[in-house]
Amino acid sequence: MSTSTFHDWRLRPATFEDVEPLAELRAMAMRPDLERLGRYDERRVRQRLRDAYVPEHTSVVEAGGAVAGSVALRPSEDGFWLEHFYLAPEVQGRGIGTAVLAGVLARTDAEGVPVRLNVLQGSAARSLYERHGFAPVREDPVDVFMVRLPGAGS
């Protein structure tokens, strides 16, 4: 993809057929952080997405006509879990992630519910989440668990 195609992106509902391209995208996007943490497993990184994939809760990011990312918003007892938010490395840093996250959070703010997520320790994505009002609530050696209350960071 050329740089000019990154302005041409859209979010669309996921389908069952998206699971394998999204599993590949997850492996590519997470590999550097998982390797840094000593946790990269070629099979498991893909299988975790396959096992948790629910098209009804997932949107696909397309850039330049190709699958370039995903985001899932899974309902929970008291809000939502933001999951499977990945962008292909070649589209990162171009404002797409910020726009996607802002859209998701506008929806959850309208519903007046909190959003939870976990991000890998040391991941650059943590600063994106913090800019949008997420705050850490607990950590373990691998993950940082974060929550965002309605309207935080707006």
Protein backbone atom coordinates (compact mmCIF):
# COMPACT_ATOMS: atom_id res chain seq x y z
CA MET A 1 0.00 0.00 0.00
CA SER A 2 1.22 3.46 -0.74
CA THR A 3 1.07 6.19 1.85
CA SER A 4 -1.70 7.98 -0.03
CA THR A 5 -4.13 5.07 0.48
CA PHE A 6 -4.12 5.50 4.27
CA HIS A 7 -6.52 8.42 4.00
CA ASP A 8 -8.98 6.02 2.39
CA TRP A 9 -10.09 3.86 5.31
CA ARG A 10 -13.39 2.67 6.68
CA LEU A 11 -14.88 0.57 9.45
CA ARG A 12 -17.25 -2.23 8.48
CA PRO A 13 -19.04 -5.02 10.34
CA ALA A 14 -17.01 -8.21 10.63
CA THR A 15 -18.11 -11.50 9.10
CA PHE A 16 -17.24 -15.07 9.98
CA GLU A 17 -14.94 -15.12 6.93
CA ASP A 18 -12.77 -12.38 8.49
CA VAL A 19 -11.50 -14.62 11.29
CA GLU A 20 -8.39 -15.94 9.52
CA PRO A 21 -7.20 -12.59 8.10
CA LEU A 22 -7.73 -11.06 11.55
CA ALA A 23 -5.85 -13.91 13.26
CA GLU A 24 -2.91 -13.24 10.92
CA LEU A 25 -3.12 -9.52 11.61
CA ARG A 26 -3.13 -10.18 15.36
CA ALA A 27 0.00 -12.31 15.07
CA MET A 28 1.80 -9.63 13.06
CA ALA A 29 0.71 -6.71 15.26
CA MET A 30 1.43 -8.40 18.59
CA ARG A 31 4.63 -10.24 17.71
CA PRO A 32 7.14 -7.52 18.75
CA ASP A 33 5.57 -7.02 22.20
CA LEU A 34 5.01 -10.73 22.78
CA GLU A 35 8.60 -11.52 21.79
CA ARG A 36 9.88 -8.78 24.10
CA LEU A 37 7.90 -10.39 26.94
CA GLY A 38 9.09 -13.90 25.99
CA ARG A 39 5.49 -14.93 25.27
CA TYR A 40 5.31 -15.30 21.48
CA ASP A 41 3.88 -18.62 20.34
CA GLU A 42 3.18 -18.92 16.60
CA ARG A 43 0.05 -21.05 17.09
CA ARG A 44 -1.36 -19.60 20.31
CA VAL A 45 -1.27 -15.97 19.11
CA ARG A 46 -3.68 -16.87 16.31
CA GLN A 47 -5.79 -19.38 18.23
CA ARG A 48 -6.62 -16.91 20.99
CA LEU A 49 -8.37 -14.69 18.45
CA ARG A 50 -10.14 -17.63 16.82
CA ASP A 51 -11.41 -18.85 20.21
CA ALA A 52 -12.79 -15.43 21.23
CA TYR A 53 -13.98 -14.19 17.83
CA VAL A 54 -17.59 -12.99 17.72
CA PRO A 55 -18.35 -11.22 14.43
CA GLU A 56 -21.41 -9.48 15.93
CA HIS A 57 -19.15 -7.55 18.34
CA THR A 58 -16.30 -6.94 15.88
CA SER A 59 -15.58 -4.30 13.27
CA VAL A 60 -12.93 -4.54 10.55
CA VAL A 61 -10.74 -1.60 9.58
CA GLU A 62 -10.07 -1.46 5.85
CA ALA A 63 -7.41 0.87 4.44
CA GLY A 64 -6.75 1.17 0.74
CA GLY A 65 -9.29 -1.60 0.18
CA ALA A 66 -7.45 -4.18 2.33
CA VAL A 67 -8.04 -5.52 5.84
CA ALA A 68 -5.86 -3.32 8.04
CA GLY A 69 -7.24 -3.79 11.53
CA SER A 70 -10.00 -4.77 13.88
CA VAL A 71 -11.75 -3.72 17.05
CA ALA A 72 -14.25 -5.61 19.18
CA LEU A 73 -16.57 -4.24 21.83
CA ARG A 74 -17.84 -7.13 23.94
CA PRO A 75 -20.75 -6.48 26.29
CA SER A 76 -20.15 -7.31 29.96
CA GLU A 77 -22.28 -7.09 33.10
CA ASP A 78 -21.55 -3.40 33.70
CA GLY A 79 -20.23 -2.06 30.42
CA PHE A 80 -17.95 -3.28 27.66
CA TRP A 81 -14.57 -4.90 27.08
CA LEU A 82 -12.54 -3.38 24.27
CA GLU A 83 -10.79 -6.33 22.63
CA HIS A 84 -8.92 -7.31 19.49
CA PHE A 85 -7.95 -3.74 18.65
CA TYR A 86 -5.12 -4.21 16.17
CA LEU A 87 -3.80 -2.24 13.24
CA ALA A 88 -1.36 -3.49 10.65
CA PRO A 89 2.08 -1.95 11.28
CA GLU A 90 2.02 -0.08 7.96
CA VAL A 91 -1.08 1.92 8.98
CA GLN A 92 -0.08 2.65 12.57
CA GLY A 93 0.78 6.22 13.48
CA ARG A 94 -1.53 7.72 10.86
CA GLY A 95 -4.50 8.66 13.07
CA ILE A 96 -6.66 5.67 12.16
CA GLY A 97 -6.41 4.08 15.62
CA THR A 98 -7.28 7.38 17.29
CA ALA A 99 -10.32 7.83 15.02
CA VAL A 100 -11.51 4.25 15.55
CA LEU A 101 -11.11 4.48 19.33
CA ALA A 102 -12.86 7.87 19.48
CA GLY A 103 -15.83 6.41 17.59
CA VAL A 104 -16.06 3.38 19.87
CA LEU A 105 -15.85 5.54 22.98
CA ALA A 106 -18.50 7.95 21.71
CA ARG A 107 -20.84 4.97 21.58
CA THR A 108 -20.00 3.77 25.10
CA ASP A 109 -20.23 7.33 26.47
CA ALA A 110 -23.71 7.65 24.93
CA GLU A 111 -24.68 4.49 26.80
CA GLY A 112 -23.09 5.83 30.01
CA VAL A 113 -21.08 2.70 30.74
CA PRO A 114 -17.43 1.96 31.53
CA VAL A 115 -15.04 0.26 29.14
CA ARG A 116 -12.32 -2.17 30.22
CA LEU A 117 -9.32 -3.53 28.38
CA ASN A 118 -5.98 -5.12 28.92
CA VAL A 119 -2.82 -4.13 27.11
CA LEU A 120 0.56 -5.86 27.11
CA GLN A 121 3.19 -4.46 29.47
CA GLY A 122 5.37 -1.97 27.61
CA SER A 123 3.06 -1.71 24.59
CA ALA A 124 2.99 1.63 22.78
CA ALA A 125 -0.81 1.27 22.64
CA ARG A 126 -1.01 2.08 26.36
CA SER A 127 -0.34 5.77 25.70
CA LEU A 128 -3.18 5.85 23.14
CA TYR A 129 -5.54 4.44 25.75
CA GLU A 130 -4.36 6.85 28.44
CA ARG A 131 -4.91 9.81 26.07
CA HIS A 132 -8.51 8.65 25.76
CA GLY A 133 -9.13 8.47 29.51
CA PHE A 134 -8.23 4.88 30.39
CA ALA A 135 -6.51 4.42 33.75
CA PRO A 136 -4.70 1.33 35.05
CA VAL A 137 -6.48 -0.63 37.77
CA ARG A 138 -4.09 -3.57 38.13
CA GLU A 139 -1.07 -5.12 36.50
CA ASP A 140 0.61 -8.48 36.27
CA PRO A 141 3.92 -9.40 34.63
CA VAL A 142 2.29 -9.58 31.18
CA ASP A 143 -0.78 -7.29 31.15
CA VAL A 144 -1.98 -3.92 32.35
CA PHE A 145 -5.73 -3.90 33.04
CA MET A 146 -7.36 -0.53 32.43
CA VAL A 147 -10.79 1.05 32.77
CA ARG A 148 -12.39 4.16 31.34
CA LEU A 149 -15.42 5.71 32.95
CA PRO A 150 -18.03 7.40 30.75
CA GLY A 151 -16.79 10.77 29.48
CA ALA A 152 -13.23 10.36 30.80
CA GLY A 153 -10.61 11.96 28.61
CA SER A 154 -13.19 13.86 26.55
